[in-house]
Amino acid sequence: MIMSCTSTGYNISMPISASCSSNNNIPILKLPINSFRLKYNSFLLPHPQYSSVGVAAKNLLCCSSSSSRRRTSLTTRALLSSTREAVLKDFHHHTALKIISGLHNFNQSNVASVVTAADKGGATHVDIACDPELVRLAISLTSLPICVSSVDPATFPAAVEAGATMVEIGNYDSFYETGRIFTPDEIVNLTNQARRILPSIVLSVTVPHTLSLPHQAKLAELLEQEGADIIQTEGGKSSRPSKPGVLGFIEKASPTLAAAYTISRAVKIPVMCASGLSMVTAPMAITAGAAGVGVGSAVNKLNDVVAMIAEVRSIAESLGRHNRKLAMHG
């Protein structure tokens, strides 16, 4: 049975099973967490509480008694909390591996290949362009948490309604070629907007490599205060290695590795090291202080899904070997 309750602010739509108490015939709702989807009808009015769960719970039980309403409010609150924890779990364990298809990549065939590679290769998250159709496509291919990237927070709610469980302000690399630079004030404002619109969603924000390392750290601190859950680094796009092979891999990753080291010592929230990473440098990111790594062009520029899976697997295995060594010496 599908239940959908709507009010002026939010609605919840989910498959449920129901049974009745023998004493008072109050329906007891069983809500499968994997099928839970919080849908927003009105996005621009901030809820007085940091979490939108209270409102969602009220709308869910529009026809229930007050005692049943309280029970389900607690159940719904627990479900949303569990969803956040599921998304953040690998970051807390310093084992997150996010595969990125690209902020401006709306090619469904390529996105499907990247999502499949992430799923089959051992990634923990997948990051796609902020488009509801792409989100639905990704959900049909994987059970991994879906992150959507954009520099326009107003586009996030539709993607979250489609099933995204994490949003990202950033992946600025594609803008630099046109001369577009994002200032610290602009990024803080975008973060504030995103948090007002979606107070409960896991929010990642990229700190631009165009800032000096001290200024990157300062911006990261401000973003943490604004409610960001994860800080993402960048820099590989602008790096021009002068050496081939392993030395070249390390040269290319050095800006984002330096940022991960610096920022991870300035904030308490997880740092994701992204841009210019490979199987050689991904373990270095964790050693530098990152809680996870994000990999884009090393995967999404490949022309064959089998090659993509192999690349993701090699990176995942390099992180696995690194973490096993840490555990042995810990």
Protein backbone atom coordinates (compact mmCIF):
# COMPACT_ATOMS: atom_id res chain seq x y z
CA MET A 1 0.00 0.00 0.00
CA ILE A 2 1.28 3.50 -0.81
CA MET A 3 0.61 6.29 1.65
CA SER A 4 0.84 9.96 0.69
CA CYS A 5 -0.09 12.82 3.01
CA THR A 6 0.17 16.43 1.91
CA SER A 7 0.00 19.81 3.57
CA THR A 8 1.10 23.30 2.59
CA GLY A 9 4.67 22.61 3.57
CA TYR A 10 5.72 19.02 3.00
CA ASN A 11 4.47 15.62 2.05
CA ILE A 12 5.68 12.10 2.63
CA SER A 13 5.15 9.34 0.12
CA MET A 14 6.17 5.81 0.95
CA PRO A 15 5.12 2.17 0.78
CA ILE A 16 3.71 1.03 4.11
CA SER A 17 2.12 -1.93 5.75
CA ALA A 18 -0.47 -1.38 8.46
CA SER A 19 -1.91 -3.38 11.30
CA CYS A 20 -4.41 -2.44 14.00
CA SER A 21 -4.15 -2.61 17.74
CA SER A 22 -6.67 -5.02 19.23
CA ASN A 23 -7.52 -2.47 21.93
CA ASN A 24 -8.32 0.69 20.07
CA ASN A 25 -7.97 -0.04 16.33
CA ILE A 26 -5.28 2.61 15.96
CA PRO A 27 -3.25 1.84 12.85
CA ILE A 28 0.38 0.97 13.47
CA LEU A 29 2.49 1.99 10.47
CA LYS A 30 5.55 0.00 9.47
CA LEU A 31 7.86 2.26 7.48
CA PRO A 32 10.67 0.55 5.53
CA ILE A 33 13.66 2.86 5.78
CA ASN A 34 15.03 1.99 2.33
CA SER A 35 11.77 3.13 0.76
CA PHE A 36 11.51 6.35 2.75
CA ARG A 37 11.37 9.51 0.67
CA LEU A 38 10.81 12.98 2.16
CA LYS A 39 9.21 15.24 -0.44
CA TYR A 40 9.00 19.00 -0.21
CA ASN A 41 6.17 21.11 -1.67
CA SER A 42 7.28 24.47 -0.30
CA PHE A 43 11.01 25.04 -0.29
CA LEU A 44 11.62 28.66 0.54
CA LEU A 45 10.10 28.96 4.02
CA PRO A 46 12.64 27.90 6.66
CA HIS A 47 11.28 25.72 9.44
CA PRO A 48 11.79 27.11 12.96
CA GLN A 49 13.52 23.90 13.97
CA TYR A 50 16.85 22.87 12.40
CA SER A 51 15.28 19.60 11.32
CA SER A 52 12.18 19.35 9.13
CA VAL A 53 11.26 16.04 10.71
CA GLY A 54 8.71 17.51 13.13
CA VAL A 55 6.64 18.95 10.30
CA ALA A 56 6.99 15.79 8.23
CA ALA A 57 5.74 13.70 11.11
CA LYS A 58 2.71 15.96 11.63
CA ASN A 59 1.70 15.74 8.00
CA LEU A 60 2.11 11.99 7.96
CA LEU A 61 -0.52 11.50 10.63
CA CYS A 62 -3.19 13.92 9.51
CA CYS A 63 -5.95 11.47 10.43
CA SER A 64 -4.43 9.81 13.51
CA SER A 65 -5.02 10.28 17.20
CA SER A 66 -2.61 12.43 19.22
CA SER A 67 -0.95 9.40 20.83
CA SER A 68 -0.48 7.71 17.46
CA ARG A 69 0.83 11.00 16.09
CA ARG A 70 3.48 11.20 18.80
CA ARG A 71 4.57 7.60 18.17
CA THR A 72 4.94 8.13 14.45
CA SER A 73 6.68 11.48 14.96
CA LEU A 74 9.37 9.64 16.88
CA THR A 75 9.51 6.93 14.21
CA THR A 76 9.86 9.45 11.39
CA ARG A 77 12.50 11.40 13.30
CA ALA A 78 14.47 8.20 13.79
CA LEU A 79 14.16 7.32 10.10
CA LEU A 80 15.57 10.64 8.92
CA SER A 81 18.32 10.47 11.50
CA SER A 82 19.18 6.98 10.27
CA THR A 83 19.30 8.22 6.67
CA ARG A 84 21.79 10.96 7.60
CA GLU A 85 23.88 8.48 9.52
CA ALA A 86 23.87 6.04 6.61
CA VAL A 87 25.16 8.78 4.28
CA LEU A 88 27.84 9.97 6.74
CA LYS A 89 28.90 6.57 8.08
CA ASP A 90 31.80 6.00 5.70
CA PHE A 91 33.08 9.52 6.30
CA HIS A 92 33.14 8.87 10.03
CA HIS A 93 35.13 5.69 9.33
CA HIS A 94 37.49 7.54 6.94
CA THR A 95 36.59 5.10 4.14
CA ALA A 96 34.34 7.19 1.87
CA LEU A 97 34.91 6.91 -1.88
CA LYS A 98 32.68 9.15 -4.02
CA ILE A 99 32.68 8.73 -7.80
CA ILE A 100 31.79 11.94 -9.64
CA SER A 101 30.14 12.02 -13.06
CA GLY A 102 30.40 15.81 -13.47
CA LEU A 103 28.44 18.94 -12.64
CA HIS A 104 27.54 19.58 -16.27
CA ASN A 105 27.32 15.98 -17.41
CA PHE A 106 23.69 15.32 -18.39
CA ASN A 107 24.55 12.49 -20.77
CA GLN A 108 22.37 9.69 -19.43
CA SER A 109 24.45 6.95 -21.03
CA ASN A 110 27.70 8.21 -19.52
CA VAL A 111 26.10 8.88 -16.13
CA ALA A 112 24.64 5.36 -16.13
CA SER A 113 28.10 3.94 -16.83
CA VAL A 114 29.67 6.00 -14.03
CA VAL A 115 26.97 4.97 -11.55
CA THR A 116 27.34 1.32 -12.55
CA ALA A 117 31.12 1.57 -12.14
CA ALA A 118 30.72 3.11 -8.69
CA ASP A 119 28.30 0.37 -7.67
CA LYS A 120 30.28 -2.56 -9.06
CA GLY A 121 33.72 -1.17 -8.26
CA GLY A 122 33.28 -0.71 -4.52
CA ALA A 123 32.57 3.02 -4.09
CA THR A 124 30.48 4.25 -1.17
CA HIS A 125 28.79 7.26 -2.84
CA VAL A 126 28.05 8.56 -6.31
CA ASP A 127 27.89 12.25 -7.30
CA ILE A 128 25.88 13.35 -10.34
CA ALA A 129 24.53 16.56 -11.87
CA CYS A 130 21.53 18.04 -10.10
CA ASP A 131 18.73 16.70 -12.27
CA PRO A 132 15.70 14.69 -11.06
CA GLU A 133 15.75 12.41 -14.11
CA LEU A 134 19.40 11.55 -13.51
CA VAL A 135 18.63 10.87 -9.85
CA ARG A 136 15.87 8.44 -10.79
CA LEU A 137 18.21 6.80 -13.29
CA ALA A 138 20.93 6.42 -10.65
CA ILE A 139 18.50 4.98 -8.10
CA SER A 140 17.46 2.36 -10.64
CA LEU A 141 21.10 1.26 -10.94
CA THR A 142 22.47 1.39 -7.38
CA SER A 143 21.57 1.50 -3.71
CA LEU A 144 24.55 3.78 -2.95
CA PRO A 145 23.75 7.23 -1.52
CA ILE A 146 23.19 9.69 -4.37
CA CYS A 147 24.79 13.14 -4.12
CA VAL A 148 23.77 15.91 -6.54
CA SER A 149 26.05 18.86 -7.34
CA SER A 150 25.04 22.39 -8.27
CA VAL A 151 25.91 26.02 -7.60
CA ASP A 152 22.21 26.92 -7.45
CA PRO A 153 20.58 25.75 -4.19
CA ALA A 154 17.11 26.31 -5.66
CA THR A 155 17.65 23.26 -7.88
CA PHE A 156 18.30 20.90 -4.96
CA PRO A 157 14.74 20.22 -3.68
CA ALA A 158 13.52 18.60 -6.90
CA ALA A 159 16.53 16.27 -6.88
CA VAL A 160 15.98 15.43 -3.21
CA GLU A 161 12.33 14.73 -3.96
CA ALA A 162 13.51 12.34 -6.67
CA GLY A 163 15.64 10.47 -4.11
CA ALA A 164 19.00 12.22 -3.63
CA THR A 165 20.25 11.94 -0.04
CA MET A 166 23.15 14.40 -0.20
CA VAL A 167 23.73 17.73 -1.94
CA GLU A 168 26.98 19.39 -2.95
CA ILE A 169 27.69 23.06 -3.58
CA GLY A 170 30.71 22.96 -5.80
CA ASN A 171 32.68 21.07 -8.38
CA TYR A 172 33.76 24.47 -9.70
CA ASP A 173 36.35 23.11 -12.14
CA SER A 174 34.07 23.41 -15.16
CA PHE A 175 33.55 27.12 -14.42
CA TYR A 176 37.20 28.11 -14.29
CA GLU A 177 37.63 27.63 -18.03
CA THR A 178 35.12 30.45 -18.61
CA GLY A 179 36.79 32.72 -16.07
CA ARG A 180 34.05 32.25 -13.45
CA ILE A 181 35.47 32.48 -9.93
CA PHE A 182 33.45 31.91 -6.75
CA THR A 183 34.28 34.26 -3.88
CA PRO A 184 34.21 33.24 -0.19
CA ASP A 185 31.23 35.51 0.50
CA GLU A 186 29.33 33.99 -2.40
CA ILE A 187 30.01 30.44 -1.23
CA VAL A 188 28.95 31.26 2.34
CA ASN A 189 25.71 32.76 1.00
CA LEU A 190 25.05 29.70 -1.19
CA THR A 191 25.63 27.45 1.83
CA ASN A 192 23.26 29.52 3.94
CA GLN A 193 20.59 29.33 1.22
CA ALA A 194 20.97 25.57 0.86
CA ARG A 195 20.71 25.02 4.61
CA ARG A 196 17.59 27.20 4.87
CA ILE A 197 15.90 25.38 2.00
CA LEU A 198 16.91 21.88 3.11
CA PRO A 199 17.66 21.96 6.83
CA SER A 200 18.12 18.20 7.27
CA ILE A 201 19.87 16.99 4.11
CA VAL A 202 23.57 16.09 4.22
CA LEU A 203 25.33 19.13 2.75
CA SER A 204 28.82 19.13 1.26
CA VAL A 205 30.52 22.34 0.15
CA THR A 206 33.65 22.69 -1.99
CA VAL A 207 36.31 25.20 -0.99
CA PRO A 208 37.89 26.67 -4.15
CA HIS A 209 41.59 26.08 -4.73
CA THR A 210 41.89 29.63 -6.09
CA LEU A 211 42.23 30.77 -2.46
CA SER A 212 45.47 30.50 -0.53
CA LEU A 213 45.64 27.61 1.95
CA PRO A 214 45.10 29.86 5.02
CA HIS A 215 42.09 31.45 3.33
CA GLN A 216 40.75 27.99 2.37
CA ALA A 217 40.94 26.98 6.02
CA LYS A 218 39.19 30.17 7.13
CA LEU A 219 36.39 29.66 4.61
CA ALA A 220 35.99 26.04 5.74
CA GLU A 221 35.52 27.24 9.32
CA LEU A 222 32.81 29.67 8.19
CA LEU A 223 31.06 26.93 6.19
CA GLU A 224 31.09 24.65 9.21
CA GLN A 225 29.38 27.43 11.20
CA GLU A 226 26.76 27.78 8.45
CA GLY A 227 25.81 24.11 8.79
CA ALA A 228 27.90 22.28 6.20
CA ASP A 229 28.34 18.59 7.02
CA ILE A 230 31.34 17.94 4.74
CA ILE A 231 34.05 20.14 3.22
CA GLN A 232 35.36 19.11 -0.20
CA THR A 233 38.73 20.17 -1.60
CA GLU A 234 39.85 20.63 -5.18
CA GLY A 235 42.88 21.64 -7.24
CA GLY A 236 43.79 18.85 -9.63
CA LYS A 237 42.24 20.56 -12.63
CA SER A 238 44.71 23.41 -12.49
CA SER A 239 47.73 21.24 -11.70
CA ARG A 240 50.15 20.64 -14.60
CA PRO A 241 52.45 17.69 -13.81
CA SER A 242 55.92 17.88 -15.30
CA LYS A 243 56.79 14.21 -14.74
CA PRO A 244 55.23 11.02 -16.11
CA GLY A 245 54.06 8.01 -14.13
CA VAL A 246 53.88 7.96 -10.34
CA LEU A 247 55.69 11.29 -9.94
CA GLY A 248 53.14 12.88 -12.25
CA PHE A 249 50.24 11.44 -10.23
CA ILE A 250 51.69 12.93 -7.05
CA GLU A 251 52.34 16.30 -8.68
CA LYS A 252 48.79 16.46 -10.01
CA ALA A 253 47.27 15.68 -6.61
CA SER A 254 49.51 17.98 -4.55
CA PRO A 255 47.14 21.02 -4.44
CA THR A 256 44.15 19.03 -3.19
CA LEU A 257 46.31 16.99 -0.79
CA ALA A 258 47.70 20.19 0.70
CA ALA A 259 44.19 21.57 1.06
CA ALA A 260 42.95 18.39 2.76
CA TYR A 261 45.84 18.51 5.22
CA THR A 262 45.26 22.17 6.04
CA ILE A 263 41.47 22.17 6.23
CA SER A 264 41.17 18.91 8.19
CA ARG A 265 43.12 20.59 10.99
CA ALA A 266 40.86 23.65 10.97
CA VAL A 267 37.41 22.01 11.17
CA LYS A 268 35.73 19.19 13.06
CA ILE A 269 33.49 18.01 10.23
CA PRO A 270 34.74 15.46 7.65
CA VAL A 271 36.90 16.61 4.75
CA MET A 272 36.61 14.99 1.33
CA CYS A 273 39.73 15.27 -0.80
CA ALA A 274 38.79 15.47 -4.48
CA SER A 275 40.17 16.47 -7.89
CA GLY A 276 43.23 14.97 -9.53
CA LEU A 277 43.35 11.81 -7.41
CA SER A 278 44.30 8.29 -8.52
CA MET A 279 44.95 4.90 -6.97
CA VAL A 280 48.44 6.21 -6.14
CA THR A 281 47.34 9.34 -4.31
CA ALA A 282 43.96 8.35 -2.82
CA PRO A 283 45.60 6.69 0.21
CA MET A 284 47.77 9.79 0.66
CA ALA A 285 44.60 11.85 1.03
CA ILE A 286 43.46 9.74 3.98
CA THR A 287 46.90 10.03 5.58
CA ALA A 288 46.75 13.81 5.08
CA GLY A 289 43.57 13.94 7.15
CA ALA A 290 40.72 13.42 4.69
CA ALA A 291 37.73 11.30 5.69
CA GLY A 292 37.15 10.26 2.10
CA VAL A 293 38.14 10.86 -1.51
CA GLY A 294 36.25 12.01 -4.56
CA VAL A 295 37.27 10.82 -8.02
CA GLY A 296 35.91 12.23 -11.26
CA SER A 297 37.83 12.41 -14.53
CA ALA A 298 39.94 9.33 -13.75
CA VAL A 299 36.68 7.40 -14.16
CA ASN A 300 34.16 9.47 -16.12
CA LYS A 301 36.55 10.19 -19.02
CA LEU A 302 36.98 6.48 -19.78
CA ASN A 303 35.01 5.19 -22.76
CA ASP A 304 34.15 1.72 -21.51
CA VAL A 305 32.13 0.74 -18.44
CA VAL A 306 34.39 -2.26 -17.83
CA ALA A 307 37.41 0.05 -17.71
CA MET A 308 35.49 2.37 -15.38
CA ILE A 309 34.71 -0.50 -13.00
CA ALA A 310 38.35 -1.58 -13.02
CA GLU A 311 39.52 1.96 -12.20
CA VAL A 312 37.04 2.35 -9.33
CA ARG A 313 38.01 -1.05 -8.00
CA SER A 314 41.72 -0.21 -8.08
CA ILE A 315 41.11 2.97 -6.09
CA ALA A 316 38.81 1.19 -3.62
CA GLU A 317 41.40 -1.55 -3.14
CA SER A 318 44.18 1.00 -2.60
CA LEU A 319 42.09 2.61 0.14
CA GLY A 320 41.29 -0.81 1.61
CA ARG A 321 44.95 -1.80 1.79
CA HIS A 322 45.79 1.54 3.37
CA ASN A 323 43.07 1.21 6.01
CA ARG A 324 44.11 -2.34 6.86
CA LYS A 325 47.67 -1.13 7.44
CA LEU A 326 46.41 1.65 9.68
CA ALA A 327 44.34 -0.87 11.66
CA MET A 328 47.35 -3.13 12.12
CA HIS A 329 49.49 -0.29 13.46
CA GLY A 330 46.69 1.34 15.42
